[in-house]
């Protein structure tokens, strides 16, 4: 559905299947970044602090947290 508002055309989609592929790819990329690194500097800091707290308890999980954050940061 297209609507005009204040001189701008706005497209509204009822489902994700209606999105043009380029917009879907951006949506997927932002979802991956948010789930791995977070969407703010606070989220990145929280991942680092979580990994630091896990180092003595579960080194493998600490590594995984840092690797996930690294992937997200690289995608940014």
C-alpha atoms as a PDB file:
ATOM      1  CA  UNK A   1       0.000   0.000   0.000  1.00  0.00           C
ATOM      2  CA  UNK A   2       1.302   3.453  -0.875  1.00  0.00           C
ATOM      3  CA  UNK A   3       0.286   6.573   0.957  1.00  0.00           C
ATOM      4  CA  UNK A   4       1.404  10.163   0.643  1.00  0.00           C
ATOM      5  CA  UNK A   5       2.250  12.160   3.722  1.00  0.00           C
ATOM      6  CA  UNK A   6       3.645  15.661   3.858  1.00  0.00           C
ATOM      7  CA  UNK A   7       4.919  15.434   0.291  1.00  0.00           C
ATOM      8  CA  UNK A   8       6.518  11.990   0.763  1.00  0.00           C
ATOM      9  CA  UNK A   9       5.405   8.645  -0.641  1.00  0.00           C
ATOM     10  CA  UNK A  10       5.368   5.894   1.981  1.00  0.00           C
ATOM     11  CA  UNK A  11       5.128   2.193   1.141  1.00  0.00           C
ATOM     12  CA  UNK A  12       3.624  -0.137   3.733  1.00  0.00           C
ATOM     13  CA  UNK A  13       3.883  -3.918   3.395  1.00  0.00           C
ATOM     14  CA  UNK A  14       1.490  -6.398   5.004  1.00  0.00           C
ATOM     15  CA  UNK A  15       4.081  -9.172   5.208  1.00  0.00           C
ATOM     16  CA  UNK A  16       7.799  -9.726   4.815  1.00  0.00           C
ATOM     17  CA  UNK A  17       7.131 -11.745   1.643  1.00  0.00           C
ATOM     18  CA  UNK A  18       6.035  -8.525  -0.082  1.00  0.00           C
ATOM     19  CA  UNK A  19       9.326  -6.715   0.562  1.00  0.00           C
ATOM     20  CA  UNK A  20      11.637  -6.100  -2.379  1.00  0.00           C
ATOM     21  CA  UNK A  21      14.691  -8.365  -2.043  1.00  0.00           C
ATOM     22  CA  UNK A  22      17.070  -5.458  -1.362  1.00  0.00           C
ATOM     23  CA  UNK A  23      15.035  -4.315   1.614  1.00  0.00           C
ATOM     24  CA  UNK A  24      14.705  -7.884   2.885  1.00  0.00           C
ATOM     25  CA  UNK A  25      18.487  -8.293   2.742  1.00  0.00           C
ATOM     26  CA  UNK A  26      18.973  -5.099   4.770  1.00  0.00           C
ATOM     27  CA  UNK A  27      16.400  -6.331   7.283  1.00  0.00           C
ATOM     28  CA  UNK A  28      18.230  -9.673   7.617  1.00  0.00           C
ATOM     29  CA  UNK A  29      21.623  -7.987   7.963  1.00  0.00           C
ATOM     30  CA  UNK A  30      20.410  -5.677  10.724  1.00  0.00           C
ATOM     31  CA  UNK A  31      18.871  -8.665  12.510  1.00  0.00           C
ATOM     32  CA  UNK A  32      22.168 -10.544  12.421  1.00  0.00           C
ATOM     33  CA  UNK A  33      24.113  -7.527  13.667  1.00  0.00           C
ATOM     34  CA  UNK A  34      21.631  -6.950  16.492  1.00  0.00           C
ATOM     35  CA  UNK A  35      21.687 -10.584  17.602  1.00  0.00           C
ATOM     36  CA  UNK A  36      25.481 -10.882  17.553  1.00  0.00           C
ATOM     37  CA  UNK A  37      26.933  -7.496  18.485  1.00  0.00           C
ATOM     38  CA  UNK A  38      23.863  -5.579  19.570  1.00  0.00           C
ATOM     39  CA  UNK A  39      22.460  -2.328  18.347  1.00  0.00           C
ATOM     40  CA  UNK A  40      24.402   0.095  20.525  1.00  0.00           C
ATOM     41  CA  UNK A  41      27.763   0.638  22.181  1.00  0.00           C
ATOM     42  CA  UNK A  42      26.118  -0.434  25.440  1.00  0.00           C
ATOM     43  CA  UNK A  43      25.281  -3.835  23.891  1.00  0.00           C
ATOM     44  CA  UNK A  44      28.866  -4.307  22.683  1.00  0.00           C
ATOM     45  CA  UNK A  45      30.187  -3.380  26.127  1.00  0.00           C
ATOM     46  CA  UNK A  46      27.741  -5.848  27.713  1.00  0.00           C
ATOM     47  CA  UNK A  47      29.048  -8.631  25.448  1.00  0.00           C
ATOM     48  CA  UNK A  48      32.646  -7.907  26.451  1.00  0.00           C
ATOM     49  CA  UNK A  49      31.729  -7.824  30.150  1.00  0.00           C
ATOM     50  CA  UNK A  50      29.798 -11.092  29.791  1.00  0.00           C
ATOM     51  CA  UNK A  51      32.789 -12.751  28.146  1.00  0.00           C
ATOM     52  CA  UNK A  52      35.098 -11.422  30.875  1.00  0.00           C
ATOM     53  CA  UNK A  53      32.836 -12.867  33.568  1.00  0.00           C
ATOM     54  CA  UNK A  54      32.790 -16.254  31.810  1.00  0.00           C
ATOM     55  CA  UNK A  55      36.557 -16.616  31.312  1.00  0.00           C
ATOM     56  CA  UNK A  56      37.159 -18.405  34.622  1.00  0.00           C
ATOM     57  CA  UNK A  57      33.865 -20.326  34.544  1.00  0.00           C
ATOM     58  CA  UNK A  58      33.463 -21.468  30.921  1.00  0.00           C
ATOM     59  CA  UNK A  59      36.254 -20.482  28.551  1.00  0.00           C
ATOM     60  CA  UNK A  60      34.527 -21.968  25.495  1.00  0.00           C
ATOM     61  CA  UNK A  61      31.359 -19.969  26.107  1.00  0.00           C
ATOM     62  CA  UNK A  62      33.438 -16.828  26.671  1.00  0.00           C
ATOM     63  CA  UNK A  63      35.156 -17.423  23.327  1.00  0.00           C
ATOM     64  CA  UNK A  64      31.791 -17.877  21.629  1.00  0.00           C
ATOM     65  CA  UNK A  65      30.438 -14.613  23.052  1.00  0.00           C
ATOM     66  CA  UNK A  66      33.500 -12.744  21.774  1.00  0.00           C
ATOM     67  CA  UNK A  67      33.348 -14.436  18.361  1.00  0.00           C
ATOM     68  CA  UNK A  68      29.664 -13.521  17.983  1.00  0.00           C
ATOM     69  CA  UNK A  69      30.411  -9.923  18.911  1.00  0.00           C
ATOM     70  CA  UNK A  70      33.321  -9.859  16.450  1.00  0.00           C
ATOM     71  CA  UNK A  71      31.132 -11.054  13.570  1.00  0.00           C
ATOM     72  CA  UNK A  72      28.530  -8.412  14.379  1.00  0.00           C
ATOM     73  CA  UNK A  73      31.096  -5.638  14.595  1.00  0.00           C
ATOM     74  CA  UNK A  74      32.637  -6.690  11.270  1.00  0.00           C
ATOM     75  CA  UNK A  75      29.208  -6.574   9.644  1.00  0.00           C
ATOM     76  CA  UNK A  76      28.740  -3.005  10.827  1.00  0.00           C
END
